[in-house]
């Protein structure tokens, strides 16, 4: 899924929440991470919350939608 200014956080939540994903950043970097949540209220901007353990407990960090080019489920990437 391409991420842009029209991306709906609920669409991202429905597809990627609690799944291993490959996130491609706008700078070309790729990260394999586990999406724990999608948030917009806490800080006033859209972001994914993630970790590297696969735990459903709260993630360790966040990535702003504005820094993401694309998210795919890990199996779709292989």
Protein backbone atom coordinates (compact mmCIF):
# COMPACT_ATOMS: atom_id res chain seq x y z
CA UNK A 1 0.00 0.00 0.00
CA UNK A 2 1.39 3.36 -1.00
CA UNK A 3 1.19 5.98 1.73
CA UNK A 4 0.36 9.55 0.78
CA UNK A 5 -1.64 12.52 2.06
CA UNK A 6 -4.90 10.77 1.11
CA UNK A 7 -4.11 7.56 3.00
CA UNK A 8 -6.74 6.74 5.60
CA UNK A 9 -5.33 5.52 8.93
CA UNK A 10 -8.19 3.05 9.31
CA UNK A 11 -7.26 1.39 6.00
CA UNK A 12 -3.69 0.99 7.26
CA UNK A 13 -4.97 -0.37 10.57
CA UNK A 14 -7.27 -2.89 8.88
CA UNK A 15 -4.54 -4.29 6.64
CA UNK A 16 -1.34 -4.09 8.72
CA UNK A 17 -2.24 -4.04 12.43
CA UNK A 18 -0.47 -6.85 14.32
CA UNK A 19 1.39 -8.10 11.27
CA UNK A 20 5.02 -8.31 10.20
CA UNK A 21 5.59 -5.77 7.45
CA UNK A 22 8.23 -4.32 5.21
CA UNK A 23 8.12 -0.52 5.38
CA UNK A 24 9.85 1.39 2.60
CA UNK A 25 10.79 4.92 3.59
CA UNK A 26 10.78 7.86 1.19
CA UNK A 27 14.59 7.84 1.34
CA UNK A 28 14.63 4.24 0.03
CA UNK A 29 15.47 2.47 3.30
CA UNK A 30 13.48 -0.69 4.06
CA UNK A 31 12.67 -1.96 7.53
CA UNK A 32 11.08 -5.22 8.60
CA UNK A 33 8.93 -4.49 11.64
CA UNK A 34 5.81 -5.56 13.50
CA UNK A 35 2.98 -3.01 13.37
CA UNK A 36 1.35 -2.81 16.80
CA UNK A 37 -0.97 0.15 16.25
CA UNK A 38 -1.82 3.12 14.06
CA UNK A 39 -2.28 6.43 15.87
CA UNK A 40 -3.27 10.00 15.12
CA UNK A 41 -4.81 11.45 18.26
CA UNK A 42 -1.93 11.43 20.70
CA UNK A 43 0.47 13.65 18.80
CA UNK A 44 -1.80 15.17 16.16
CA UNK A 45 -0.31 13.38 13.14
CA UNK A 46 -0.66 9.94 11.53
CA UNK A 47 1.92 7.29 12.42
CA UNK A 48 2.46 3.59 12.84
CA UNK A 49 3.60 2.24 16.20
CA UNK A 50 5.92 -0.75 15.90
CA UNK A 51 8.40 -3.11 17.51
CA UNK A 52 10.92 -5.71 16.35
CA UNK A 53 9.80 -8.54 18.65
CA UNK A 54 6.36 -9.42 17.30
CA UNK A 55 4.77 -8.76 20.66
CA UNK A 56 1.23 -7.38 20.66
CA UNK A 57 2.18 -5.15 23.59
CA UNK A 58 2.82 -1.53 22.80
CA UNK A 59 5.56 -0.72 20.31
CA UNK A 60 8.91 0.84 21.00
CA UNK A 61 8.82 3.56 18.42
CA UNK A 62 6.81 5.26 15.72
CA UNK A 63 7.16 6.28 12.09
CA UNK A 64 5.24 9.20 10.66
CA UNK A 65 3.14 8.50 7.57
CA UNK A 66 4.91 11.45 5.96
CA UNK A 67 8.20 9.46 6.03
CA UNK A 68 6.71 6.27 4.56
CA UNK A 69 6.51 5.51 0.85
CA UNK A 70 4.98 2.03 1.04
CA UNK A 71 3.98 -0.72 3.47
CA UNK A 72 3.58 -4.37 2.50
CA UNK A 73 2.87 -7.47 4.58
CA UNK A 74 6.16 -9.31 4.96
CA UNK A 75 4.96 -12.32 2.91
CA UNK A 76 4.08 -10.00 0.00
CA UNK A 77 7.67 -8.77 -0.08
CA UNK A 78 9.41 -12.13 -0.29
